[in-house]
C-alpha cells in the first residue's frame, strides 16, 4: 500500500457542482493532493507516442454531467482520453449506459434486475399505436435527462413524440402503490458498500420526487430489506459503476429499479441521512491505486458536507470566459413538450420569477399536463388572473432546462415566450444582444 503523501486525486468536472467541491475537499482532508480537471488548467499532449496530462494525477473521479450537455459524445470522448491513461471511477462506457435511461433499463433487465415495462420507438406512429399497453396513465420521458427534466405523466388520449427536441423519448409503466403518497427510494452505493437510503416524496401538485423540484426527503437507511440492498448493489454492478444513486420504487407487486444515477447529488441524501458520500468516493479513488485509506477518518468526514470552494479550484485565465454563458435580451430557443418542438425567439426578463409561454405555443408543443395554478396581479390592476402551470423543456444554445412555466395569452405581445429567472439565473444577460436585431424595436409593455 502507498502512503497518502504524494498521491494526487483528480476530479474531472467542467461545472461548479457542490458534489465536485465536496469530493475534492474530502480527498484533501484525507491527506491526498488534489486537482480539479477543468478548462482553466487541463491539457493532454501526445509526443513521440507518449501521453502527458497536465495537471498530472494518479486517479480520476469522473463527474462529467453528460445528461446536461447538448453533445454528450464530446465529453464522453474527453473522459475516454483520461480513462485510457489513468484509473477512473465511473468509467466512460458505464456512465454512457447509465445516463441513457433506456440503455440502463436494458442492462438492468439483462442482469435480472426488475425494471418497469417500457417502450422506445424510433417513430411516433409506433409509440402512439402501442400507447394503450401502458394503462390509463403512463410515464413519458426523454432517454437522457436530469433533475426530473423531460419527464411527464400522460393520459390515454395524449399523443406523444418519439423525440423531444433532439432527444429520443419513451413510454414506461407508472409504478405506484394504491392509497399512498407518491414516493421512491434513493440508495447510495459506493464500491460494494451501501451508505444509506432516503425516501423521496413528491411535492404538492407534482408526482416526481426529485429534490431539485421540491421533493421532501426522509431517512430510510434502517428500513432496507435484504432484497432491496441486493437490488441496489446488483443495479450498480450491472451498470459497471463504482458509485451511484440507485432509484427504486415499490409497486403493488414488488420493487423496481427506475434509474441508476452516476452523478447523484449529495444535498438531499445528507439532509436525510446525515452522511456525505464524498469521503467514501475520495477513499475509493485512493484505494483504486493501492494508496492507504484511513477508514475511520472517512467515516468521521462523512458526518459533514464540506462543499466550499476547494483549494484545487484553478484560477480562471483572463482569456477564459466565466462559467455562466451569455444570453441576449432576445434569444432564439427551442421549446419542447410531449408532442412537438418549436424554435422561437424569446425575450429575457430578469424581473419575472417564472418563465411564461403563450397559450397557442403551449398547445402546439403539447405542454402539460397542468401541474397547478398560480394567481397573478397585472400592473396597476386590482384584479388578479389565474394561470395554469405546465412543464416545458427549453433549449438555449447547448443547454437544456426543464421549467414549470405559466401559460398566458401572449398573442398581443411580440414574443410567445418570456424567459424568467428560473432560466436566466444560469446566464449573464446582455441586454444589447438581440436575436431579432432587425425586427421592429416597438414592443408592447409586458405585464
Protein backbone atom coordinates (compact mmCIF):
# COMPACT_ATOMS: atom_id res chain seq x y z
CA UNK A 1 0.00 0.00 0.00
CA UNK A 2 1.24 3.51 -0.86
CA UNK A 3 1.24 6.34 1.64
CA UNK A 4 -1.25 9.15 1.18
CA UNK A 5 1.61 11.60 0.72
CA UNK A 6 2.40 12.08 -2.94
CA UNK A 7 -0.92 10.64 -4.17
CA UNK A 8 -2.94 13.03 -6.33
CA UNK A 9 -6.68 12.53 -6.72
CA UNK A 10 -8.19 14.35 -9.69
CA UNK A 11 -11.86 15.13 -10.30
CA UNK A 12 -12.88 15.58 -13.94
CA UNK A 13 -15.67 18.16 -13.81
CA UNK A 14 -16.31 21.09 -16.16
CA UNK A 15 -19.01 22.61 -13.96
CA UNK A 16 -19.26 24.05 -10.44
CA UNK A 17 -21.36 21.45 -8.67
CA UNK A 18 -21.30 21.16 -4.90
CA UNK A 19 -20.60 17.44 -5.26
CA UNK A 20 -17.35 18.09 -7.14
CA UNK A 21 -16.24 20.51 -4.46
CA UNK A 22 -17.15 18.09 -1.67
CA UNK A 23 -15.12 15.23 -3.19
CA UNK A 24 -12.06 17.45 -3.63
CA UNK A 25 -12.33 18.78 -0.07
CA UNK A 26 -12.75 15.26 1.30
CA UNK A 27 -9.72 13.99 -0.63
CA UNK A 28 -7.63 16.84 0.75
CA UNK A 29 -8.87 16.16 4.29
CA UNK A 30 -7.79 12.54 3.86
CA UNK A 31 -4.25 13.73 3.15
CA UNK A 32 -4.13 13.43 -0.63
CA UNK A 33 -3.08 16.06 -3.13
CA UNK A 34 -5.97 17.16 -5.34
CA UNK A 35 -6.52 18.58 -8.82
CA UNK A 36 -9.75 19.87 -10.33
CA UNK A 37 -9.54 18.98 -14.03
CA UNK A 38 -11.38 21.68 -15.96
CA UNK A 39 -10.98 24.18 -18.79
CA UNK A 40 -8.68 26.59 -16.98
CA UNK A 41 -5.89 24.15 -16.19
CA UNK A 42 -6.14 20.93 -18.15
CA UNK A 43 -4.38 19.78 -21.31
CA UNK A 44 -3.36 16.49 -22.90
CA UNK A 45 -0.45 16.11 -25.30
CA UNK A 46 0.97 13.28 -27.39
CA UNK A 47 4.68 13.44 -28.15
CA UNK A 48 6.58 10.54 -29.69
CA UNK A 49 3.70 8.24 -28.81
CA UNK A 50 3.75 9.23 -25.12
CA UNK A 51 0.69 10.75 -23.48
CA UNK A 52 1.13 13.60 -20.99
CA UNK A 53 -1.68 15.04 -18.86
CA UNK A 54 -1.43 18.42 -17.17
CA UNK A 55 -2.01 18.67 -14.30
CA UNK A 56 -0.70 15.20 -13.53
CA UNK A 57 -2.94 12.97 -11.41
CA UNK A 58 -2.80 9.36 -10.25
CA UNK A 59 -6.52 8.58 -10.37
CA UNK A 60 -9.61 10.36 -11.71
CA UNK A 61 -13.15 10.54 -10.36
CA UNK A 62 -15.45 11.19 -13.31
CA UNK A 63 -18.08 13.85 -12.54
CA UNK A 64 -18.95 14.95 -16.08
CA UNK A 65 -22.65 15.77 -16.28
CA UNK A 66 -23.33 14.19 -19.66
CA UNK A 67 -27.10 14.45 -19.28
CA UNK A 68 -26.88 18.26 -19.10
CA UNK A 69 -24.75 18.50 -22.24
CA UNK A 70 -26.15 19.16 -25.72
CA UNK A 71 -23.49 16.91 -27.28
CA UNK A 72 -22.61 14.32 -24.62
CA UNK A 73 -20.39 12.40 -27.06
CA UNK A 74 -17.88 15.27 -26.90
CA UNK A 75 -17.43 14.98 -23.12
CA UNK A 76 -17.62 11.20 -23.31
CA UNK A 77 -14.66 11.28 -25.70
CA UNK A 78 -12.82 13.57 -23.27
CA UNK A 79 -13.42 11.13 -20.43
CA UNK A 80 -12.08 8.32 -22.62
CA UNK A 81 -8.81 10.21 -23.02
CA UNK A 82 -8.24 10.19 -19.28
CA UNK A 83 -9.59 6.66 -18.74
CA UNK A 84 -7.03 5.25 -21.20
CA UNK A 85 -4.12 6.62 -19.21
CA UNK A 86 -5.32 6.77 -15.59
CA UNK A 87 -7.54 4.62 -13.36
CA UNK A 88 -11.01 6.20 -13.36
CA UNK A 89 -14.05 5.85 -11.14
CA UNK A 90 -17.28 5.66 -13.16
CA UNK A 91 -15.61 4.84 -16.46
CA UNK A 92 -16.98 6.39 -19.68
CA UNK A 93 -18.75 3.29 -21.01
CA UNK A 94 -20.52 2.68 -17.70
CA UNK A 95 -21.53 6.33 -17.48
CA UNK A 96 -22.82 6.27 -21.06
CA UNK A 97 -25.05 3.29 -20.30
CA UNK A 98 -26.36 4.78 -17.06
CA UNK A 99 -27.07 8.25 -18.48
CA UNK A 100 -29.27 6.82 -21.26
CA UNK A 101 -32.30 5.69 -19.28
CA UNK A 102 -33.48 3.11 -21.78
CA UNK A 103 -29.99 1.68 -22.27
CA UNK A 104 -29.77 1.46 -18.48
CA UNK A 105 -33.13 -0.35 -18.30
CA UNK A 106 -31.89 -2.79 -20.94
CA UNK A 107 -28.70 -3.55 -19.00
CA UNK A 108 -30.68 -3.99 -15.78
CA UNK A 109 -33.19 -6.33 -17.41
CA UNK A 110 -30.35 -8.43 -18.84
CA UNK A 111 -28.92 -8.70 -15.31
CA UNK A 112 -32.34 -9.85 -13.97
CA UNK A 113 -32.83 -6.61 -12.01
CA UNK A 114 -36.59 -5.78 -12.05
CA UNK A 115 -37.49 -2.67 -14.08
CA UNK A 116 -40.87 -1.25 -15.17
CA UNK A 117 -42.15 -2.22 -18.61
CA UNK A 118 -41.12 0.36 -21.21
CA UNK A 119 -41.25 1.09 -24.93
CA UNK A 120 -38.72 3.02 -27.03
CA UNK A 121 -39.78 3.50 -30.65
CA UNK A 122 -37.84 5.36 -33.31
CA UNK A 123 -41.08 6.55 -34.87
CA UNK A 124 -44.01 8.39 -33.26
CA UNK A 125 -46.63 6.24 -35.02
CA UNK A 126 -45.41 3.11 -33.24
CA UNK A 127 -45.20 4.89 -29.89
CA UNK A 128 -48.79 6.14 -30.14
CA UNK A 129 -50.15 2.89 -31.59
CA UNK A 130 -48.92 0.98 -28.56
CA UNK A 131 -49.75 3.68 -26.00
CA UNK A 132 -52.68 1.72 -24.55
CA UNK A 133 -50.32 -1.04 -23.39
CA UNK A 134 -49.34 1.27 -20.51
CA UNK A 135 -52.74 1.81 -18.92
CA UNK A 136 -54.70 4.95 -18.15
CA UNK A 137 -51.65 6.92 -17.03
CA UNK A 138 -48.11 6.35 -18.26
CA UNK A 139 -44.72 7.90 -17.73
CA UNK A 140 -43.27 9.62 -20.79
CA UNK A 141 -39.64 10.65 -20.52
CA UNK A 142 -36.61 11.59 -22.56
CA UNK A 143 -33.93 8.92 -22.70
CA UNK A 144 -31.38 11.47 -21.49
CA UNK A 145 -32.43 13.91 -18.77
CA UNK A 146 -31.73 15.00 -15.23
CA UNK A 147 -33.39 16.57 -12.16
CA UNK A 148 -36.76 15.25 -13.33
CA UNK A 149 -36.36 17.19 -16.57
CA UNK A 150 -38.10 15.77 -19.63
CA UNK A 151 -40.47 13.58 -17.59
CA UNK A 152 -44.25 13.71 -17.84
CA UNK A 153 -47.30 11.76 -16.80
CA UNK A 154 -49.57 11.33 -19.84
CA UNK A 155 -53.17 10.19 -20.18
CA UNK A 156 -54.64 7.78 -22.73
CA UNK A 157 -55.69 10.46 -25.22
CA UNK A 158 -52.44 12.46 -25.25
CA UNK A 159 -50.28 11.96 -28.31
CA UNK A 160 -46.53 11.60 -27.77
CA UNK A 161 -43.49 12.07 -29.96
CA UNK A 162 -40.62 9.66 -30.49
CA UNK A 163 -38.35 12.66 -29.83
CA UNK A 164 -38.49 15.68 -27.53
CA UNK A 165 -36.30 18.28 -29.16
CA UNK A 166 -33.20 16.41 -30.27
CA UNK A 167 -33.54 13.54 -27.77
CA UNK A 168 -35.42 10.28 -28.03
CA UNK A 169 -38.25 9.65 -25.58
CA UNK A 170 -40.05 6.54 -24.42
CA UNK A 171 -43.09 5.29 -22.54
CA UNK A 172 -42.85 3.49 -19.21
CA UNK A 173 -45.28 1.95 -16.76
CA UNK A 174 -46.30 4.26 -13.91
CA UNK A 175 -45.45 2.38 -10.71
CA UNK A 176 -47.45 3.40 -7.64
CA UNK A 177 -48.92 1.86 -4.50
CA UNK A 178 -52.63 2.36 -4.17
CA UNK A 179 -53.59 4.82 -1.45
CA UNK A 180 -50.03 6.05 -0.79
CA UNK A 181 -48.44 9.43 -1.42
CA UNK A 182 -46.06 9.10 -4.38
CA UNK A 183 -42.53 8.36 -3.23
CA UNK A 184 -39.42 6.45 -4.23
CA UNK A 185 -36.23 5.27 -2.57
CA UNK A 186 -32.73 6.61 -3.32
CA UNK A 187 -30.00 4.20 -2.18
CA UNK A 188 -26.41 5.48 -2.36
CA UNK A 189 -23.80 2.87 -3.25
CA UNK A 190 -20.01 3.40 -3.22
CA UNK A 191 -17.94 0.38 -4.20
CA UNK A 192 -19.71 -2.61 -2.68
CA UNK A 193 -20.99 -0.60 0.30
CA UNK A 194 -24.43 0.91 0.84
CA UNK A 195 -24.01 4.25 2.60
CA UNK A 196 -27.67 4.67 3.37
CA UNK A 197 -31.03 5.40 1.80
CA UNK A 198 -33.71 8.05 1.78
CA UNK A 199 -37.35 8.16 0.84
CA UNK A 200 -38.13 11.00 -1.59
CA UNK A 201 -41.68 12.32 -1.55
CA UNK A 202 -43.23 14.24 -4.42
CA UNK A 203 -44.06 17.89 -3.68
CA UNK A 204 -47.64 19.14 -3.65
CA UNK A 205 -49.11 19.26 -7.14
CA UNK A 206 -46.41 17.03 -8.68
CA UNK A 207 -45.66 13.32 -8.87
CA UNK A 208 -41.88 13.48 -9.38
CA UNK A 209 -39.76 13.07 -6.29
CA UNK A 210 -36.60 14.96 -7.32
CA UNK A 211 -35.14 17.14 -4.57
CA UNK A 212 -34.39 19.83 -7.18
CA UNK A 213 -38.15 20.05 -7.82
CA UNK A 214 -39.00 20.48 -4.15
CA UNK A 215 -39.35 16.84 -3.14
CA UNK A 216 -39.19 16.06 0.59
CA UNK A 217 -36.63 13.57 1.94
CA UNK A 218 -36.57 11.27 4.98
CA UNK A 219 -34.02 8.77 6.21
CA UNK A 220 -34.82 5.19 5.21
CA UNK A 221 -31.43 3.58 5.93
CA UNK A 222 -32.80 1.34 8.69
CA UNK A 223 -35.75 0.23 6.57
CA UNK A 224 -33.84 -1.51 3.79
CA UNK A 225 -34.64 -5.17 3.38
CA UNK A 226 -32.00 -7.64 2.21
CA UNK A 227 -33.78 -7.85 -1.17
CA UNK A 228 -33.63 -4.08 -1.69
CA UNK A 229 -29.97 -3.97 -0.63
CA UNK A 230 -29.14 -6.72 -3.08
CA UNK A 231 -31.13 -4.93 -5.79
CA UNK A 232 -29.19 -1.66 -5.28
CA UNK A 233 -25.79 -3.40 -5.32
CA UNK A 234 -26.81 -5.51 -8.31
CA UNK A 235 -28.02 -2.47 -10.25
CA UNK A 236 -24.75 -0.61 -9.67
CA UNK A 237 -22.75 -3.67 -10.74
CA UNK A 238 -24.92 -4.17 -13.82
CA UNK A 239 -24.07 -0.62 -14.91
CA UNK A 240 -20.37 -1.17 -14.22
CA UNK A 241 -20.34 1.92 -11.98
CA UNK A 242 -18.12 2.49 -8.96
CA UNK A 243 -20.59 4.79 -7.20
CA UNK A 244 -24.20 5.68 -7.91
CA UNK A 245 -27.53 6.77 -6.54
CA UNK A 246 -29.96 3.94 -7.27
CA UNK A 247 -33.62 4.97 -7.52
CA UNK A 248 -36.01 2.19 -6.53
CA UNK A 249 -39.77 2.26 -6.29
CA UNK A 250 -42.29 -0.11 -4.70
CA UNK A 251 -45.41 -1.07 -6.60
CA UNK A 252 -48.32 -3.24 -5.55
CA UNK A 253 -46.45 -6.29 -6.88
CA UNK A 254 -42.90 -5.58 -5.72
CA UNK A 255 -39.83 -3.38 -6.14
CA UNK A 256 -38.40 -1.95 -9.38
CA UNK A 257 -35.25 0.00 -10.23
CA UNK A 258 -36.12 3.23 -12.03
CA UNK A 259 -32.67 4.72 -12.64
CA UNK A 260 -29.02 4.36 -11.69
CA UNK A 261 -27.54 7.86 -11.46
CA UNK A 262 -23.73 8.12 -11.84
CA UNK A 263 -23.70 11.77 -10.72
CA UNK A 264 -26.35 11.67 -8.00
CA UNK A 265 -26.49 14.72 -5.75
CA UNK A 266 -25.34 14.79 -2.12
CA UNK A 267 -27.51 17.52 -0.59
CA UNK A 268 -30.78 15.68 -0.14
CA UNK A 269 -29.05 12.48 0.88
CA UNK A 270 -27.00 14.28 3.54
CA UNK A 271 -30.09 16.15 4.74
CA UNK A 272 -31.94 12.87 5.21
CA UNK A 273 -29.20 10.54 6.46
CA UNK A 274 -26.51 12.80 7.91
CA UNK A 275 -23.89 11.10 5.74
CA UNK A 276 -21.92 12.50 2.81
CA UNK A 277 -20.78 10.16 0.02
CA UNK A 278 -17.83 12.49 -0.77
CA UNK A 279 -15.16 10.98 1.54
CA UNK A 280 -16.16 7.45 0.53
CA UNK A 281 -15.72 8.35 -3.15
CA UNK A 282 -12.36 10.03 -2.42
CA UNK A 283 -11.29 6.98 -0.39
CA UNK A 284 -12.37 4.60 -3.14
CA UNK A 285 -10.32 6.59 -5.68
CA UNK A 286 -7.21 6.28 -3.49
CA UNK A 287 -7.89 2.61 -2.84
CA UNK A 288 -8.10 2.01 -6.60
CA UNK A 289 -4.40 2.81 -6.96
CA UNK A 290 -3.32 0.98 -3.80
CA UNK A 291 -2.98 4.02 -1.53
CA UNK A 292 -3.55 3.85 2.21
CA UNK A 293 -7.07 4.87 3.20
CA UNK A 294 -7.87 5.85 6.78
CA UNK A 295 -11.31 4.24 7.12
CA UNK A 296 -12.02 5.83 10.48
CA UNK A 297 -11.23 9.25 9.05
CA UNK A 298 -13.53 8.55 6.08
CA UNK A 299 -16.37 7.75 8.46
CA UNK A 300 -15.62 10.85 10.54
CA UNK A 301 -15.62 13.12 7.49
CA UNK A 302 -18.88 11.63 6.23
CA UNK A 303 -20.75 13.41 9.04
CA UNK A 304 -20.06 16.79 7.44
CA UNK A 305 -20.71 18.02 3.92
CA UNK A 306 -17.95 20.48 3.02
CA UNK A 307 -18.89 21.88 -0.39
CA UNK A 308 -16.98 25.14 -0.01
CA UNK A 309 -14.63 26.24 -2.80
CA UNK A 310 -11.69 23.79 -2.65
CA UNK A 311 -8.03 24.73 -2.74
CA UNK A 312 -7.79 22.80 -6.02
CA UNK A 313 -10.11 25.26 -7.78
CA UNK A 314 -7.96 26.68 -10.62
CA UNK A 315 -7.95 30.42 -11.15
CA UNK A 316 -9.52 31.42 -14.46
CA UNK A 317 -7.19 32.97 -17.00
CA UNK A 318 -8.04 36.46 -18.30
CA UNK A 319 -8.89 35.00 -21.72
CA UNK A 320 -11.11 32.21 -20.33
CA UNK A 321 -14.79 33.20 -20.04
CA UNK A 322 -16.66 32.71 -16.79
CA UNK A 323 -18.73 29.64 -16.06
CA UNK A 324 -22.01 31.31 -16.95
CA UNK A 325 -22.78 31.65 -20.65
CA UNK A 326 -24.28 34.86 -22.04
CA UNK A 327 -27.88 35.19 -23.17
CA UNK A 328 -29.31 38.14 -25.08
CA UNK A 329 -32.24 40.43 -24.45
CA UNK A 330 -33.90 38.27 -27.09
CA UNK A 331 -32.67 34.79 -27.90
CA UNK A 332 -33.60 32.02 -30.33
CA UNK A 333 -34.52 28.96 -28.26
CA UNK A 334 -36.15 25.56 -28.76
CA UNK A 335 -39.23 24.82 -26.66
CA UNK A 336 -40.43 21.22 -26.35
CA UNK A 337 -43.45 19.44 -24.92
CA UNK A 338 -44.79 15.93 -25.22
CA UNK A 339 -45.91 16.19 -28.84
CA UNK A 340 -43.61 18.61 -30.68
CA UNK A 341 -40.73 21.10 -30.55
CA UNK A 342 -40.67 24.64 -31.92
CA UNK A 343 -37.86 27.15 -32.42
CA UNK A 344 -38.98 30.64 -31.37
CA UNK A 345 -37.49 33.96 -30.37
CA UNK A 346 -37.89 34.53 -26.63
CA UNK A 347 -37.46 37.65 -24.53
CA UNK A 348 -35.36 37.72 -21.36
CA UNK A 349 -36.99 39.34 -18.33
CA UNK A 350 -34.93 39.40 -15.15
CA UNK A 351 -37.92 40.85 -13.32
CA UNK A 352 -40.00 37.73 -13.88
CA UNK A 353 -39.63 34.89 -11.41
CA UNK A 354 -41.13 32.29 -13.72
CA UNK A 355 -40.95 31.64 -17.46
CA UNK A 356 -44.19 32.29 -19.40
CA UNK A 357 -45.41 30.61 -22.58
CA UNK A 358 -48.15 31.69 -24.95
CA UNK A 359 -51.32 29.60 -24.91
CA UNK A 360 -51.10 28.69 -28.60
CA UNK A 361 -47.42 27.74 -28.42
CA UNK A 362 -48.11 25.59 -25.36
CA UNK A 363 -50.82 23.76 -27.29
CA UNK A 364 -48.60 23.33 -30.37
CA UNK A 365 -45.78 21.62 -28.48
CA UNK A 366 -48.01 19.66 -26.11
CA UNK A 367 -47.02 21.42 -22.88
CA UNK A 368 -48.57 19.89 -19.82
CA UNK A 369 -50.40 18.35 -18.19
CA UNK A 370 -51.34 21.22 -15.87
CA UNK A 371 -49.40 20.83 -12.61
CA UNK A 372 -51.02 23.61 -10.63
CA UNK A 373 -52.32 27.15 -10.97
CA UNK A 374 -50.98 30.49 -9.84
CA UNK A 375 -52.75 33.78 -9.18
CA UNK A 376 -51.02 36.89 -10.56
CA UNK A 377 -51.81 40.59 -10.46
CA UNK A 378 -51.04 42.53 -13.60
CA UNK A 379 -49.53 46.03 -13.35
CA UNK A 380 -51.75 48.53 -11.56
CA UNK A 381 -54.86 46.40 -11.97
CA UNK A 382 -56.62 45.46 -8.73
CA UNK A 383 -57.91 42.27 -10.29
CA UNK A 384 -55.85 39.10 -10.40
CA UNK A 385 -55.76 36.34 -13.00
CA UNK A 386 -55.31 32.61 -12.59
CA UNK A 387 -52.73 31.00 -14.88
CA UNK A 388 -52.09 27.27 -15.27
CA UNK A 389 -48.55 25.93 -14.68
CA UNK A 390 -47.08 23.34 -17.07
CA UNK A 391 -43.70 21.69 -17.61
CA UNK A 392 -41.74 22.56 -20.74
CA UNK A 393 -38.19 21.87 -21.89
CA UNK A 394 -36.26 24.86 -23.24
CA UNK A 395 -33.01 24.54 -25.17
CA UNK A 396 -30.71 27.57 -25.06
CA UNK A 397 -27.55 27.08 -27.09
CA UNK A 398 -26.04 23.87 -25.81
CA UNK A 399 -28.05 23.80 -22.58
CA UNK A 400 -31.44 22.32 -21.70
CA UNK A 401 -33.74 23.47 -18.91
CA UNK A 402 -36.99 21.94 -17.67
CA UNK A 403 -39.11 24.59 -16.01
CA UNK A 404 -42.63 24.95 -14.67
CA UNK A 405 -43.91 27.77 -16.88
CA UNK A 406 -47.13 29.71 -16.56
CA UNK A 407 -49.46 29.74 -19.57
CA UNK A 408 -50.95 33.04 -20.70
CA UNK A 409 -52.35 34.69 -23.81
CA UNK A 410 -49.34 36.48 -25.31
CA UNK A 411 -50.88 36.95 -28.77
CA UNK A 412 -50.85 40.74 -28.30
CA UNK A 413 -47.10 40.68 -27.49
CA UNK A 414 -44.12 40.33 -29.76
CA UNK A 415 -42.67 37.21 -28.16
CA UNK A 416 -44.51 33.95 -27.46
CA UNK A 417 -42.04 33.00 -24.75
CA UNK A 418 -40.76 35.06 -21.82
CA UNK A 419 -37.65 33.71 -20.07
CA UNK A 420 -37.79 34.29 -16.32
CA UNK A 421 -35.20 33.98 -13.60
CA UNK A 422 -35.77 30.22 -13.41
CA UNK A 423 -33.68 30.10 -16.62
CA UNK A 424 -31.78 33.38 -16.57
CA UNK A 425 -30.11 32.55 -13.24
CA UNK A 426 -27.81 30.26 -15.23
CA UNK A 427 -26.62 33.04 -17.58
CA UNK A 428 -25.19 36.51 -17.89
CA UNK A 429 -27.81 38.67 -19.60
CA UNK A 430 -26.52 41.06 -22.28
CA UNK A 431 -29.39 43.50 -22.92
CA UNK A 432 -27.60 44.83 -26.00
CA UNK A 433 -27.65 41.48 -27.78
CA UNK A 434 -30.77 40.61 -29.76
CA UNK A 435 -31.56 37.59 -31.89
CA UNK A 436 -34.06 39.75 -33.82
CA UNK A 437 -31.84 42.80 -34.20
CA UNK A 438 -33.51 43.74 -37.47
CA UNK A 439 -37.01 43.48 -36.09
CA UNK A 440 -39.22 46.43 -35.24
CA UNK A 441 -37.97 47.94 -31.97
CA UNK A 442 -41.52 48.81 -30.85
CA UNK A 443 -42.85 46.41 -28.25
CA UNK A 444 -45.90 46.34 -26.07
CA UNK A 445 -45.37 46.65 -22.35
CA UNK A 446 -45.02 43.29 -20.61
CA UNK A 447 -47.33 42.52 -17.72
